[in-house]
Protein backbone atom coordinates (compact mmCIF):
# COMPACT_ATOMS: atom_id res chain seq x y z
CA MET A 1 0.07 10.89 -3.52
CA LYS A 2 -2.98 12.05 -5.53
CA ASN A 3 -5.87 9.73 -6.20
CA ALA A 4 -4.61 7.00 -3.33
CA ILE A 5 -6.62 6.04 -1.09
CA SER A 6 -5.85 3.81 1.90
CA PHE A 7 -8.00 2.03 4.70
CA THR A 8 -8.30 -0.71 7.41
CA ILE A 9 -10.19 -4.00 6.47
CA HIS A 10 -11.65 -4.49 10.07
CA GLU A 11 -12.22 -8.45 10.81
CA LYS A 12 -13.43 -9.79 14.57
CA GLY A 13 -11.33 -7.29 16.72
CA GLU A 14 -9.11 -4.81 14.80
CA GLY A 15 -7.92 -4.48 11.60
CA GLU A 16 -4.67 -6.29 10.82
CA HIS A 17 -4.48 -5.02 6.93
CA LEU A 18 -3.85 -1.55 6.07
CA VAL A 19 -4.60 -1.63 2.24
CA PHE A 20 -3.10 1.97 -0.19
CA GLY A 21 -5.80 1.94 -3.16
CA ILE A 22 -3.98 3.20 -6.73
CA CYS A 23 -5.98 3.17 -10.23
CA GLU A 24 -4.18 1.50 -12.91
CA GLY A 25 -2.70 4.41 -15.13
CA ASN A 26 -1.97 7.49 -12.90
CA PRO A 27 1.79 7.64 -11.34
CA ALA A 28 2.42 5.77 -8.62
CA PRO A 29 5.62 7.29 -6.88
CA LEU A 30 7.41 4.80 -5.05
CA THR A 31 8.08 7.14 -2.47
CA GLY A 32 4.19 7.11 -1.28
CA ILE A 33 4.15 2.55 -1.59
CA SER A 34 7.14 3.44 1.14
CA ARG A 35 5.31 6.14 3.01
CA ALA A 36 2.29 3.88 3.45
CA PHE A 37 4.48 0.13 3.95
CA SER A 38 6.12 2.44 6.99
CA LEU A 39 2.59 3.29 8.39
CA ALA A 40 1.57 -0.40 8.55
CA GLN A 41 4.82 -1.63 9.82
CA LYS A 42 4.20 0.93 12.60
CA GLN A 43 0.65 -0.29 13.42
CA LYS A 44 1.92 -3.77 13.42
CA LYS A 45 -0.26 -4.16 10.20
CA LYS A 46 -0.03 -6.14 6.88
CA SER A 47 0.64 -4.16 4.15
CA VAL A 48 -2.18 -4.91 0.53
CA LEU A 49 -1.32 -2.48 -2.20
CA ALA A 50 -4.41 -2.96 -4.31
CA ILE A 51 -5.10 -1.67 -7.82
CA VAL A 52 -7.84 -0.19 -9.54
CA ASN A 53 -8.09 -1.45 -12.92
CA ARG A 54 -9.39 0.44 -16.53
CA GLN A 55 -12.68 -2.05 -16.32
CA GLY A 56 -13.22 -1.29 -11.79
CA GLU A 57 -12.19 -4.65 -11.19
CA VAL A 58 -9.15 -4.65 -8.30
CA VAL A 59 -6.28 -6.70 -8.00
CA TYR A 60 -4.67 -6.92 -4.54
CA TYR A 61 -0.64 -7.32 -3.48
CA SER A 62 0.84 -8.06 -1.16
CA ILE A 63 4.11 -5.86 0.58
CA ASN A 64 6.26 -7.96 2.38
CA GLY A 65 9.48 -5.61 2.77
CA LEU A 66 11.04 -3.27 0.49
CA LEU A 67 14.74 -3.02 -0.05
CA PRO A 68 16.97 0.21 1.76
CA LYS A 69 18.26 2.87 0.02
CA PRO A 70 21.68 2.01 -1.47
CA THR A 71 24.98 4.72 0.19
CA ASN A 72 26.64 6.67 -1.50
CA PRO A 73 30.41 5.38 -0.55
C-alpha cells in the first residue's frame, strides 16, 4: 500500500503489537489493512491501525478481526 508504514512496538521482551500506519486523506484499500492484520496474526501479535491526521496527531484503533469474504452461491 502506497504511503503506509508498519512497525512493531517492543516493550519488555518481544513486541506484542504490530502497528500499521496511514495518513488521513490517503486512500487505504481494505486489502492492505487485511494483509497487515493477517501478518500480525501469523506473528501472534495484536493489530493496531494508526491514522495520522492533517495536524500530525495520531489516533490508534485496535483491529480485533475482519469479516470473511462472502461466497457466491
